[in-house]
Amino acid sequence: LEMEERAVQKNEFRVLYEGPLLRYEVVGLAAGSSYNFRVRAQTGFGAGCCGGPWSPCAMFVTPATAPAVITDLEISGSEPGEVRLKWTAPADNGMPIEEYCVTATSSPPPPPPPPPP
């Protein structure tokens, strides 16, 4: 089984798996990225490892997900009745961040959401 990332020059596949199983799970793919996969049967016939023809390429696009949480929100006072907010852009997780939404309340903040499982 070999894989090609779309960002890599065409026909530059890298080997992901060689073994007897008829399935393989690929992990660690980037969100919002396109990948091509191909597979072929191989035997030990002759010198080295001989393989049959490659399968047609199968393309898979990993879904983009919501941006990561902003963890470094800084608040500073400026003039009376004003406040300045500053943060660093989080990981976009496969889709460019187009804008930020800032909200405010004068009541106590709600509890933070539980961590993901």
PDB file of N, CA and C in Angstrom:
ATOM      1  N   LEU A   1       0.864  -1.169   0.000  1.00  0.00           N
ATOM      2  CA  LEU A   1       0.000   0.000   0.000  1.00  0.00           C
ATOM      3  C   LEU A   1       0.903   1.221   0.000  1.00  0.00           C
ATOM      4  N   GLU A   2       0.638   2.156  -0.893  1.00  0.00           N
ATOM      5  CA  GLU A   2       1.407   3.391  -0.960  1.00  0.00           C
ATOM      6  C   GLU A   2       0.463   4.582  -0.911  1.00  0.00           C
ATOM      7  N   MET A   3       0.982   5.730  -0.503  1.00  0.00           N
ATOM      8  CA  MET A   3       0.189   6.947  -0.400  1.00  0.00           C
ATOM      9  C   MET A   3       0.933   8.104  -1.045  1.00  0.00           C
ATOM     10  N   GLU A   4       0.163   9.001  -1.671  1.00  0.00           N
ATOM     11  CA  GLU A   4       0.698  10.246  -2.219  1.00  0.00           C
ATOM     12  C   GLU A   4      -0.145  11.386  -1.677  1.00  0.00           C
ATOM     13  N   GLU A   5       0.499  12.390  -1.068  1.00  0.00           N
ATOM     14  CA  GLU A   5      -0.209  13.596  -0.657  1.00  0.00           C
ATOM     15  C   GLU A   5      -0.284  14.524  -1.851  1.00  0.00           C
ATOM     16  N   ARG A   6      -1.375  15.263  -1.983  1.00  0.00           N
ATOM     17  CA  ARG A   6      -1.541  16.162  -3.122  1.00  0.00           C
ATOM     18  C   ARG A   6      -0.489  17.261  -3.114  1.00  0.00           C
ATOM     19  N   ALA A   7       0.022  17.629  -1.958  1.00  0.00           N
ATOM     20  CA  ALA A   7       1.045  18.676  -1.900  1.00  0.00           C
ATOM     21  C   ALA A   7       2.381  18.175  -2.431  1.00  0.00           C
ATOM     22  N   VAL A   8       2.550  16.866  -2.466  1.00  0.00           N
ATOM     23  CA  VAL A   8       3.792  16.282  -2.963  1.00  0.00           C
ATOM     24  C   VAL A   8       3.711  16.200  -4.481  1.00  0.00           C
ATOM     25  N   GLN A   9       4.850  16.290  -5.141  1.00  0.00           N
ATOM     26  CA  GLN A   9       4.873  16.218  -6.600  1.00  0.00           C
ATOM     27  C   GLN A   9       4.216  14.910  -7.047  1.00  0.00           C
ATOM     28  N   LYS A  10       3.441  14.976  -8.123  1.00  0.00           N
ATOM     29  CA  LYS A  10       2.691  13.821  -8.610  1.00  0.00           C
ATOM     30  C   LYS A  10       3.607  12.614  -8.807  1.00  0.00           C
ATOM     31  N   ASN A  11       3.084  11.448  -8.541  1.00  0.00           N
ATOM     32  CA  ASN A  11       3.759  10.156  -8.663  1.00  0.00           C
ATOM     33  C   ASN A  11       4.860   9.946  -7.629  1.00  0.00           C
ATOM     34  N   GLU A  12       4.871  10.705  -6.578  1.00  0.00           N
ATOM     35  CA  GLU A  12       5.806  10.462  -5.480  1.00  0.00           C
ATOM     36  C   GLU A  12       5.047   9.791  -4.348  1.00  0.00           C
ATOM     37  N   PHE A  13       4.903   8.482  -4.472  1.00  0.00           N
ATOM     38  CA  PHE A  13       4.217   7.714  -3.450  1.00  0.00           C
ATOM     39  C   PHE A  13       5.221   7.230  -2.419  1.00  0.00           C
ATOM     40  N   ARG A  14       4.760   7.028  -1.188  1.00  0.00           N
ATOM     41  CA  ARG A  14       5.614   6.416  -0.176  1.00  0.00           C
ATOM     42  C   ARG A  14       4.917   5.167   0.344  1.00  0.00           C
ATOM     43  N   VAL A  15       5.697   4.161   0.639  1.00  0.00           N
ATOM     44  CA  VAL A  15       5.166   2.889   1.104  1.00  0.00           C
ATOM     45  C   VAL A  15       4.638   3.050   2.523  1.00  0.00           C
ATOM     46  N   LEU A  16       3.408   2.611   2.749  1.00  0.00           N
ATOM     47  CA  LEU A  16       2.801   2.665   4.073  1.00  0.00           C
ATOM     48  C   LEU A  16       2.769   1.302   4.738  1.00  0.00           C
ATOM     49  N   TYR A  17       2.608   0.261   3.934  1.00  0.00           N
ATOM     50  CA  TYR A  17       2.430  -1.077   4.504  1.00  0.00           C
ATOM     51  C   TYR A  17       2.874  -2.127   3.502  1.00  0.00           C
ATOM     52  N   GLU A  18       3.551  -3.140   3.996  1.00  0.00           N
ATOM     53  CA  GLU A  18       3.845  -4.349   3.246  1.00  0.00           C
ATOM     54  C   GLU A  18       3.597  -5.503   4.199  1.00  0.00           C
ATOM     55  N   GLY A  19       2.678  -6.374   3.859  1.00  0.00           N
ATOM     56  CA  GLY A  19       2.355  -7.490   4.731  1.00  0.00           C
ATOM     57  C   GLY A  19       1.211  -8.296   4.165  1.00  0.00           C
ATOM     58  N   PRO A  20       0.773  -9.324   4.888  1.00  0.00           N
ATOM     59  CA  PRO A  20      -0.228 -10.249   4.368  1.00  0.00           C
ATOM     60  C   PRO A  20      -1.681  -9.819   4.560  1.00  0.00           C
ATOM     61  N   LEU A  21      -1.950  -8.804   5.376  1.00  0.00           N
ATOM     62  CA  LEU A  21      -3.339  -8.426   5.662  1.00  0.00           C
ATOM     63  C   LEU A  21      -4.007  -7.760   4.469  1.00  0.00           C
ATOM     64  N   LEU A  22      -5.322  -7.878   4.409  1.00  0.00           N
ATOM     65  CA  LEU A  22      -6.104  -7.279   3.325  1.00  0.00           C
ATOM     66  C   LEU A  22      -6.712  -5.946   3.730  1.00  0.00           C
ATOM     67  N   ARG A  23      -6.173  -5.338   4.771  1.00  0.00           N
ATOM     68  CA  ARG A  23      -6.653  -4.023   5.224  1.00  0.00           C
ATOM     69  C   ARG A  23      -5.513  -3.324   5.952  1.00  0.00           C
ATOM     70  N   TYR A  24      -5.594  -2.005   6.026  1.00  0.00           N
ATOM     71  CA  TYR A  24      -4.586  -1.224   6.726  1.00  0.00           C
ATOM     72  C   TYR A  24      -5.215   0.097   7.122  1.00  0.00           C
ATOM     73  N   GLU A  25      -5.004   0.547   8.341  1.00  0.00           N
ATOM     74  CA  GLU A  25      -5.543   1.820   8.813  1.00  0.00           C
ATOM     75  C   GLU A  25      -4.442   2.873   8.781  1.00  0.00           C
ATOM     76  N   VAL A  26      -4.692   3.944   8.060  1.00  0.00           N
ATOM     77  CA  VAL A  26      -3.741   5.051   7.979  1.00  0.00           C
ATOM     78  C   VAL A  26      -4.136   6.078   9.034  1.00  0.00           C
ATOM     79  N   VAL A  27      -3.197   6.469   9.863  1.00  0.00           N
ATOM     80  CA  VAL A  27      -3.469   7.453  10.912  1.00  0.00           C
ATOM     81  C   VAL A  27      -2.551   8.658  10.734  1.00  0.00           C
ATOM     82  N   GLY A  28      -2.888   9.748  11.387  1.00  0.00           N
ATOM     83  CA  GLY A  28      -2.039  10.931  11.374  1.00  0.00           C
ATOM     84  C   GLY A  28      -2.176  11.791  10.129  1.00  0.00           C
ATOM     85  N   LEU A  29      -3.283  11.632   9.385  1.00  0.00           N
ATOM     86  CA  LEU A  29      -3.484  12.456   8.191  1.00  0.00           C
ATOM     87  C   LEU A  29      -3.904  13.865   8.596  1.00  0.00           C
ATOM     88  N   ALA A  30      -3.504  14.844   7.821  1.00  0.00           N
ATOM     89  CA  ALA A  30      -3.860  16.239   8.102  1.00  0.00           C
ATOM     90  C   ALA A  30      -5.302  16.509   7.693  1.00  0.00           C
ATOM     91  N   ALA A  31      -6.036  17.230   8.528  1.00  0.00           N
ATOM     92  CA  ALA A  31      -7.420  17.586   8.214  1.00  0.00           C
ATOM     93  C   ALA A  31      -7.460  18.494   6.993  1.00  0.00           C
ATOM     94  N   GLY A  32      -8.471  18.308   6.167  1.00  0.00           N
ATOM     95  CA  GLY A  32      -8.655  19.152   4.990  1.00  0.00           C
ATOM     96  C   GLY A  32      -7.617  18.914   3.909  1.00  0.00           C
ATOM     97  N   SER A  33      -7.011  17.733   3.877  1.00  0.00           N
ATOM     98  CA  SER A  33      -5.982  17.421   2.884  1.00  0.00           C
ATOM     99  C   SER A  33      -6.440  16.292   1.977  1.00  0.00           C
ATOM    100  N   SER A  34      -5.860  16.254   0.784  1.00  0.00           N
ATOM    101  CA  SER A  34      -6.208  15.248  -0.213  1.00  0.00           C
ATOM    102  C   SER A  34      -5.076  14.238  -0.324  1.00  0.00           C
ATOM    103  N   TYR A  35      -5.431  12.962  -0.376  1.00  0.00           N
ATOM    104  CA  TYR A  35      -4.455  11.882  -0.464  1.00  0.00           C
ATOM    105  C   TYR A  35      -4.856  10.903  -1.563  1.00  0.00           C
ATOM    106  N   ASN A  36      -3.879  10.326  -2.237  1.00  0.00           N
ATOM    107  CA  ASN A  36      -4.093   9.257  -3.208  1.00  0.00           C
ATOM    108  C   ASN A  36      -3.480   7.988  -2.644  1.00  0.00           C
ATOM    109  N   PHE A  37      -4.177   6.872  -2.816  1.00  0.00           N
ATOM    110  CA  PHE A  37      -3.694   5.579  -2.350  1.00  0.00           C
ATOM    111  C   PHE A  37      -3.726   4.591  -3.507  1.00  0.00           C
ATOM    112  N   ARG A  38      -2.812   3.623  -3.473  1.00  0.00           N
ATOM    113  CA  ARG A  38      -2.819   2.538  -4.439  1.00  0.00           C
ATOM    114  C   ARG A  38      -2.234   1.312  -3.757  1.00  0.00           C
ATOM    115  N   VAL A  39      -2.552   0.137  -4.286  1.00  0.00           N
ATOM    116  CA  VAL A  39      -2.085  -1.110  -3.701  1.00  0.00           C
ATOM    117  C   VAL A  39      -1.800  -2.114  -4.815  1.00  0.00           C
ATOM    118  N   ARG A  40      -0.896  -3.042  -4.557  1.00  0.00           N
ATOM    119  CA  ARG A  40      -0.631  -4.116  -5.507  1.00  0.00           C
ATOM    120  C   ARG A  40      -0.225  -5.370  -4.738  1.00  0.00           C
ATOM    121  N   ALA A  41      -0.445  -6.507  -5.356  1.00  0.00           N
ATOM    122  CA  ALA A  41      -0.012  -7.777  -4.778  1.00  0.00           C
ATOM    123  C   ALA A  41       1.458  -7.975  -5.107  1.00  0.00           C
ATOM    124  N   GLN A  42       2.190  -8.584  -4.188  1.00  0.00           N
ATOM    125  CA  GLN A  42       3.621  -8.822  -4.393  1.00  0.00           C
ATOM    126  C   GLN A  42       3.950 -10.267  -4.061  1.00  0.00           C
ATOM    127  N   THR A  43       4.943 -10.789  -4.740  1.00  0.00           N
ATOM    128  CA  THR A  43       5.447 -12.128  -4.452  1.00  0.00           C
ATOM    129  C   THR A  43       6.951 -12.056  -4.302  1.00  0.00           C
ATOM    130  N   GLY A  44       7.562 -13.129  -3.868  1.00  0.00           N
ATOM    131  CA  GLY A  44       9.007 -13.177  -3.755  1.00  0.00           C
ATOM    132  C   GLY A  44       9.648 -13.793  -4.980  1.00  0.00           C
ATOM    133  N   PHE A  45       8.907 -13.830  -6.082  1.00  0.00           N
ATOM    134  CA  PHE A  45       9.413 -14.455  -7.302  1.00  0.00           C
ATOM    135  C   PHE A  45      10.573 -13.659  -7.881  1.00  0.00           C
ATOM    136  N   GLY A  46      11.678 -14.326  -8.207  1.00  0.00           N
ATOM    137  CA  GLY A  46      12.813 -13.659  -8.829  1.00  0.00           C
ATOM    138  C   GLY A  46      13.652 -12.907  -7.821  1.00  0.00           C
ATOM    139  N   ALA A  47      14.514 -12.050  -8.340  1.00  0.00           N
ATOM    140  CA  ALA A  47      15.407 -11.277  -7.478  1.00  0.00           C
ATOM    141  C   ALA A  47      14.630 -10.131  -6.835  1.00  0.00           C
ATOM    142  N   GLY A  48      14.676 -10.046  -5.539  1.00  0.00           N
ATOM    143  CA  GLY A  48      13.980  -8.980  -4.838  1.00  0.00           C
ATOM    144  C   GLY A  48      12.486  -9.244  -4.780  1.00  0.00           C
ATOM    145  N   CYS A  49      11.740  -8.247  -4.502  1.00  0.00           N
ATOM    146  CA  CYS A  49      10.289  -8.367  -4.348  1.00  0.00           C
ATOM    147  C   CYS A  49       9.613  -7.928  -5.637  1.00  0.00           C
ATOM    148  N   CYS A  50       8.932  -8.835  -6.267  1.00  0.00           N
ATOM    149  CA  CYS A  50       8.267  -8.506  -7.532  1.00  0.00           C
ATOM    150  C   CYS A  50       6.798  -8.244  -7.273  1.00  0.00           C
ATOM    151  N   GLY A  51       6.269  -7.225  -7.893  1.00  0.00           N
ATOM    152  CA  GLY A  51       4.873  -6.896  -7.691  1.00  0.00           C
ATOM    153  C   GLY A  51       4.109  -6.885  -8.990  1.00  0.00           C
ATOM    154  N   GLY A  52       2.821  -7.146  -8.856  1.00  0.00           N
ATOM    155  CA  GLY A  52       1.934  -7.036  -9.998  1.00  0.00           C
ATOM    156  C   GLY A  52       1.678  -5.569 -10.289  1.00  0.00           C
ATOM    157  N   PRO A  53       0.774  -5.296 -11.224  1.00  0.00           N
ATOM    158  CA  PRO A  53       0.472  -3.893 -11.541  1.00  0.00           C
ATOM    159  C   PRO A  53      -0.243  -3.210 -10.369  1.00  0.00           C
ATOM    160  N   TRP A  54      -0.084  -1.898 -10.312  1.00  0.00           N
ATOM    161  CA  TRP A  54      -0.748  -1.109  -9.264  1.00  0.00           C
ATOM    162  C   TRP A  54      -2.242  -1.017  -9.535  1.00  0.00           C
ATOM    163  N   SER A  55      -3.007  -0.947  -8.471  1.00  0.00           N
ATOM    164  CA  SER A  55      -4.449  -0.692  -8.580  1.00  0.00           C
ATOM    165  C   SER A  55      -4.636   0.733  -9.093  1.00  0.00           C
ATOM    166  N   PRO A  56      -5.826   1.061  -9.602  1.00  0.00           N
ATOM    167  CA  PRO A  56      -6.098   2.469  -9.889  1.00  0.00           C
ATOM    168  C   PRO A  56      -6.001   3.263  -8.574  1.00  0.00           C
ATOM    169  N   CYS A  57      -5.624   4.516  -8.666  1.00  0.00           N
ATOM    170  CA  CYS A  57      -5.523   5.360  -7.466  1.00  0.00           C
ATOM    171  C   CYS A  57      -6.910   5.619  -6.895  1.00  0.00           C
ATOM    172  N   ALA A  58      -6.986   5.591  -5.595  1.00  0.00           N
ATOM    173  CA  ALA A  58      -8.203   5.969  -4.878  1.00  0.00           C
ATOM    174  C   ALA A  58      -7.868   7.236  -4.109  1.00  0.00           C
ATOM    175  N   MET A  59      -8.658   8.289  -4.307  1.00  0.00           N
ATOM    176  CA  MET A  59      -8.406   9.562  -3.639  1.00  0.00           C
ATOM    177  C   MET A  59      -9.322   9.701  -2.429  1.00  0.00           C
ATOM    178  N   PHE A  60      -8.792  10.260  -1.367  1.00  0.00           N
ATOM    179  CA  PHE A  60      -9.569  10.530  -0.167  1.00  0.00           C
ATOM    180  C   PHE A  60      -9.216  11.922   0.325  1.00  0.00           C
ATOM    181  N   VAL A  61     -10.236  12.713   0.661  1.00  0.00           N
ATOM    182  CA  VAL A  61     -10.031  14.047   1.224  1.00  0.00           C
ATOM    183  C   VAL A  61     -10.479  13.991   2.675  1.00  0.00           C
ATOM    184  N   THR A  62      -9.551  14.248   3.583  1.00  0.00           N
ATOM    185  CA  THR A  62      -9.910  14.250   4.995  1.00  0.00           C
ATOM    186  C   THR A  62     -10.760  15.488   5.274  1.00  0.00           C
ATOM    187  N   PRO A  63     -11.815  15.321   6.045  1.00  0.00           N
ATOM    188  CA  PRO A  63     -12.669  16.481   6.309  1.00  0.00           C
ATOM    189  C   PRO A  63     -11.956  17.516   7.179  1.00  0.00           C
ATOM    190  N   ALA A  64     -12.233  18.767   6.899  1.00  0.00           N
ATOM    191  CA  ALA A  64     -11.734  19.845   7.756  1.00  0.00           C
ATOM    192  C   ALA A  64     -12.590  19.856   9.021  1.00  0.00           C
ATOM    193  N   THR A  65     -12.021  20.319  10.100  1.00  0.00           N
ATOM    194  CA  THR A  65     -12.761  20.418  11.356  1.00  0.00           C
ATOM    195  C   THR A  65     -12.705  21.850  11.856  1.00  0.00           C
ATOM    196  N   ALA A  66     -13.444  22.116  12.908  1.00  0.00           N
ATOM    197  CA  ALA A  66     -13.473  23.464  13.486  1.00  0.00           C
ATOM    198  C   ALA A  66     -12.067  23.858  13.942  1.00  0.00           C
ATOM    199  N   PRO A  67     -11.769  25.142  13.929  1.00  0.00           N
ATOM    200  CA  PRO A  67     -10.455  25.582  14.419  1.00  0.00           C
ATOM    201  C   PRO A  67     -10.246  25.159  15.875  1.00  0.00           C
ATOM    202  N   ALA A  68      -8.987  25.057  16.259  1.00  0.00           N
ATOM    203  CA  ALA A  68      -8.646  24.738  17.650  1.00  0.00           C
ATOM    204  C   ALA A  68      -9.075  25.888  18.554  1.00  0.00           C
ATOM    205  N   VAL A  69      -9.171  25.605  19.832  1.00  0.00           N
ATOM    206  CA  VAL A  69      -9.573  26.626  20.795  1.00  0.00           C
ATOM    207  C   VAL A  69      -8.444  27.654  20.969  1.00  0.00           C
ATOM    208  N   ILE A  70      -8.830  28.887  21.154  1.00  0.00           N
ATOM    209  CA  ILE A  70      -7.868  29.953  21.457  1.00  0.00           C
ATOM    210  C   ILE A  70      -7.566  29.856  22.946  1.00  0.00           C
ATOM    211  N   THR A  71      -6.305  29.697  23.289  1.00  0.00           N
ATOM    212  CA  THR A  71      -5.938  29.458  24.685  1.00  0.00           C
ATOM    213  C   THR A  71      -5.181  30.611  25.330  1.00  0.00           C
ATOM    214  N   ASP A  72      -4.889  31.653  24.578  1.00  0.00           N
ATOM    215  CA  ASP A  72      -4.044  32.721  25.131  1.00  0.00           C
ATOM    216  C   ASP A  72      -4.721  34.093  25.071  1.00  0.00           C
ATOM    217  N   LEU A  73      -6.013  34.135  25.338  1.00  0.00           N
ATOM    218  CA  LEU A  73      -6.732  35.418  25.319  1.00  0.00           C
ATOM    219  C   LEU A  73      -6.174  36.333  26.402  1.00  0.00           C
ATOM    220  N   GLU A  74      -5.706  37.508  25.987  1.00  0.00           N
ATOM    221  CA  GLU A  74      -5.175  38.512  26.905  1.00  0.00           C
ATOM    222  C   GLU A  74      -6.124  39.702  26.938  1.00  0.00           C
ATOM    223  N   ILE A  75      -6.373  40.201  28.122  1.00  0.00           N
ATOM    224  CA  ILE A  75      -7.260  41.349  28.295  1.00  0.00           C
ATOM    225  C   ILE A  75      -6.488  42.423  29.038  1.00  0.00           C
ATOM    226  N   SER A  76      -6.534  43.650  28.529  1.00  0.00           N
ATOM    227  CA  SER A  76      -5.881  44.760  29.225  1.00  0.00           C
ATOM    228  C   SER A  76      -6.795  45.970  29.171  1.00  0.00           C
ATOM    229  N   GLY A  77      -6.760  46.735  30.240  1.00  0.00           N
ATOM    230  CA  GLY A  77      -7.543  47.962  30.289  1.00  0.00           C
ATOM    231  C   GLY A  77      -6.817  49.064  29.534  1.00  0.00           C
ATOM    232  N   SER A  78      -7.572  49.928  28.914  1.00  0.00           N
ATOM    233  CA  SER A  78      -6.957  51.052  28.219  1.00  0.00           C
ATOM    234  C   SER A  78      -7.506  52.339  28.819  1.00  0.00           C
ATOM    235  N   GLU A  79      -8.598  52.781  28.352  1.00  0.00           N
ATOM    236  CA  GLU A  79      -9.266  53.975  28.884  1.00  0.00           C
ATOM    237  C   GLU A  79     -10.440  53.512  29.752  1.00  0.00           C
ATOM    238  N   PRO A  80     -10.947  54.394  30.624  1.00  0.00           N
ATOM    239  CA  PRO A  80     -12.130  54.016  31.407  1.00  0.00           C
ATOM    240  C   PRO A  80     -13.262  53.589  30.469  1.00  0.00           C
ATOM    241  N   GLY A  81     -13.857  52.442  30.781  1.00  0.00           N
ATOM    242  CA  GLY A  81     -14.963  51.947  29.968  1.00  0.00           C
ATOM    243  C   GLY A  81     -14.515  51.224  28.707  1.00  0.00           C
ATOM    244  N   GLU A  82     -13.205  50.985  28.540  1.00  0.00           N
ATOM    245  CA  GLU A  82     -12.700  50.288  27.355  1.00  0.00           C
ATOM    246  C   GLU A  82     -11.777  49.158  27.776  1.00  0.00           C
ATOM    247  N   VAL A  83     -11.667  48.169  26.915  1.00  0.00           N
ATOM    248  CA  VAL A  83     -10.785  47.047  27.165  1.00  0.00           C
ATOM    249  C   VAL A  83     -10.209  46.591  25.828  1.00  0.00           C
ATOM    250  N   ARG A  84      -8.976  46.089  25.860  1.00  0.00           N
ATOM    251  CA  ARG A  84      -8.349  45.572  24.638  1.00  0.00           C
ATOM    252  C   ARG A  84      -8.193  44.063  24.774  1.00  0.00           C
ATOM    253  N   LEU A  85      -8.526  43.345  23.723  1.00  0.00           N
ATOM    254  CA  LEU A  85      -8.390  41.894  23.675  1.00  0.00           C
ATOM    255  C   LEU A  85      -7.326  41.542  22.651  1.00  0.00           C
ATOM    256  N   LYS A  86      -6.554  40.527  22.954  1.00  0.00           N
ATOM    257  CA  LYS A  86      -5.498  40.085  22.041  1.00  0.00           C
ATOM    258  C   LYS A  86      -5.360  38.574  22.164  1.00  0.00           C
ATOM    259  N   TRP A  87      -5.134  37.875  21.031  1.00  0.00           N
ATOM    260  CA  TRP A  87      -4.944  36.424  21.025  1.00  0.00           C
ATOM    261  C   TRP A  87      -4.115  36.024  19.820  1.00  0.00           C
ATOM    262  N   THR A  88      -3.662  34.792  19.845  1.00  0.00           N
ATOM    263  CA  THR A  88      -2.894  34.219  18.743  1.00  0.00           C
ATOM    264  C   THR A  88      -3.819  33.324  17.944  1.00  0.00           C
ATOM    265  N   ALA A  89      -3.651  33.326  16.634  1.00  0.00           N
ATOM    266  CA  ALA A  89      -4.479  32.474  15.776  1.00  0.00           C
ATOM    267  C   ALA A  89      -4.267  31.009  16.142  1.00  0.00           C
ATOM    268  N   PRO A  90      -5.349  30.250  16.317  1.00  0.00           N
ATOM    269  CA  PRO A  90      -5.212  28.819  16.612  1.00  0.00           C
ATOM    270  C   PRO A  90      -4.975  28.023  15.329  1.00  0.00           C
ATOM    271  N   ALA A  91      -4.728  26.745  15.468  1.00  0.00           N
ATOM    272  CA  ALA A  91      -4.614  25.862  14.299  1.00  0.00           C
ATOM    273  C   ALA A  91      -5.940  25.894  13.548  1.00  0.00           C
ATOM    274  N   ASP A  92      -5.859  26.005  12.230  1.00  0.00           N
ATOM    275  CA  ASP A  92      -7.098  26.114  11.441  1.00  0.00           C
ATOM    276  C   ASP A  92      -7.729  24.757  11.127  1.00  0.00           C
ATOM    277  N   ASN A  93      -7.008  23.661  11.337  1.00  0.00           N
ATOM    278  CA  ASN A  93      -7.509  22.296  11.137  1.00  0.00           C
ATOM    279  C   ASN A  93      -8.074  22.047   9.748  1.00  0.00           C
ATOM    280  N   GLY A  94      -7.390  22.599   8.745  1.00  0.00           N
ATOM    281  CA  GLY A  94      -7.727  22.268   7.367  1.00  0.00           C
ATOM    282  C   GLY A  94      -8.579  23.262   6.619  1.00  0.00           C
ATOM    283  N   MET A  95      -9.055  24.300   7.262  1.00  0.00           N
ATOM    284  CA  MET A  95      -9.874  25.301   6.589  1.00  0.00           C
ATOM    285  C   MET A  95      -9.415  26.673   7.069  1.00  0.00           C
ATOM    286  N   PRO A  96      -9.037  27.581   6.157  1.00  0.00           N
ATOM    287  CA  PRO A  96      -8.547  28.893   6.586  1.00  0.00           C
ATOM    288  C   PRO A  96      -9.551  29.626   7.485  1.00  0.00           C
ATOM    289  N   ILE A  97      -9.053  30.249   8.535  1.00  0.00           N
ATOM    290  CA  ILE A  97      -9.909  31.041   9.426  1.00  0.00           C
ATOM    291  C   ILE A  97     -10.262  32.327   8.708  1.00  0.00           C
ATOM    292  N   GLU A  98     -11.538  32.612   8.612  1.00  0.00           N
ATOM    293  CA  GLU A  98     -12.011  33.802   7.896  1.00  0.00           C
ATOM    294  C   GLU A  98     -12.264  34.984   8.823  1.00  0.00           C
ATOM    295  N   GLU A  99     -12.679  34.709  10.041  1.00  0.00           N
ATOM    296  CA  GLU A  99     -12.982  35.797  10.971  1.00  0.00           C
ATOM    297  C   GLU A  99     -13.035  35.249  12.387  1.00  0.00           C
ATOM    298  N   TYR A 100     -13.100  36.140  13.346  1.00  0.00           N
ATOM    299  CA  TYR A 100     -13.216  35.780  14.757  1.00  0.00           C
ATOM    300  C   TYR A 100     -14.495  36.403  15.295  1.00  0.00           C
ATOM    301  N   CYS A 101     -15.104  35.754  16.259  1.00  0.00           N
ATOM    302  CA  CYS A 101     -16.321  36.252  16.892  1.00  0.00           C
ATOM    303  C   CYS A 101     -16.008  36.524  18.359  1.00  0.00           C
ATOM    304  N   VAL A 102     -16.191  37.764  18.789  1.00  0.00           N
ATOM    305  CA  VAL A 102     -15.955  38.154  20.173  1.00  0.00           C
ATOM    306  C   VAL A 102     -17.301  38.451  20.800  1.00  0.00           C
ATOM    307  N   THR A 103     -17.566  37.839  21.941  1.00  0.00           N
ATOM    308  CA  THR A 103     -18.815  38.102  22.662  1.00  0.00           C
ATOM    309  C   THR A 103     -18.480  38.597  24.059  1.00  0.00           C
ATOM    310  N   ALA A 104     -19.464  39.182  24.722  1.00  0.00           N
ATOM    311  CA  ALA A 104     -19.265  39.706  26.075  1.00  0.00           C
ATOM    312  C   ALA A 104     -20.552  39.562  26.863  1.00  0.00           C
ATOM    313  N   THR A 105     -20.395  39.503  28.169  1.00  0.00           N
ATOM    314  CA  THR A 105     -21.543  39.493  29.076  1.00  0.00           C
ATOM    315  C   THR A 105     -21.124  40.183  30.365  1.00  0.00           C
ATOM    316  N   SER A 106     -22.084  40.745  31.058  1.00  0.00           N
ATOM    317  CA  SER A 106     -21.765  41.357  32.349  1.00  0.00           C
ATOM    318  C   SER A 106     -22.076  40.397  33.484  1.00  0.00           C
ATOM    319  N   SER A 107     -22.618  39.229  33.182  1.00  0.00           N
ATOM    320  CA  SER A 107     -22.894  38.231  34.212  1.00  0.00           C
ATOM    321  C   SER A 107     -21.678  37.321  34.366  1.00  0.00           C
ATOM    322  N   PRO A 108     -21.640  36.478  35.412  1.00  0.00           N
ATOM    323  CA  PRO A 108     -20.504  35.565  35.572  1.00  0.00           C
ATOM    324  C   PRO A 108     -20.366  34.651  34.346  1.00  0.00           C
ATOM    325  N   PRO A 109     -19.150  34.301  33.995  1.00  0.00           N
ATOM    326  CA  PRO A 109     -18.967  33.454  32.811  1.00  0.00           C
ATOM    327  C   PRO A 109     -19.507  32.033  33.059  1.00  0.00           C
ATOM    328  N   PRO A 110     -19.955  31.387  32.004  1.00  0.00           N
ATOM    329  CA  PRO A 110     -20.427  30.013  32.168  1.00  0.00           C
ATOM    330  C   PRO A 110     -19.225  29.100  32.426  1.00  0.00           C
ATOM    331  N   PRO A 111     -19.474  27.915  32.981  1.00  0.00           N
ATOM    332  CA  PRO A 111     -18.349  26.996  33.193  1.00  0.00           C
ATOM    333  C   PRO A 111     -17.772  26.559  31.859  1.00  0.00           C
ATOM    334  N   PRO A 112     -16.496  26.222  31.829  1.00  0.00           N
ATOM    335  CA  PRO A 112     -15.894  25.786  30.573  1.00  0.00           C
ATOM    336  C   PRO A 112     -16.513  24.453  30.131  1.00  0.00           C
ATOM    337  N   PRO A 113     -16.530  24.203  28.812  1.00  0.00           N
ATOM    338  CA  PRO A 113     -17.077  22.928  28.346  1.00  0.00           C
ATOM    339  C   PRO A 113     -16.171  21.783  28.782  1.00  0.00           C
ATOM    340  N   PRO A 114     -16.747  20.582  28.895  1.00  0.00           N
ATOM    341  CA  PRO A 114     -15.898  19.438  29.289  1.00  0.00           C
ATOM    342  C   PRO A 114     -14.900  19.131  28.183  1.00  0.00           C
ATOM    343  N   PRO A 115     -13.758  18.555  28.547  1.00  0.00           N
ATOM    344  CA  PRO A 115     -12.767  18.216  27.508  1.00  0.00           C
ATOM    345  C   PRO A 115     -13.324  17.138  26.590  1.00  0.00           C
ATOM    346  N   PRO A 116     -12.862  17.116  25.337  1.00  0.00           N
ATOM    347  CA  PRO A 116     -13.339  16.079  24.417  1.00  0.00           C
ATOM    348  C   PRO A 116     -12.882  14.694  24.887  1.00  0.00           C
ATOM    349  N   PRO A 117     -13.684  13.686  24.523  1.00  0.00           N
ATOM    350  CA  PRO A 117     -13.331  12.330  24.972  1.00  0.00           C
ATOM    351  C   PRO A 117     -12.060  11.829  24.346  1.00  0.00           C
TER     352      PRO A 117
END
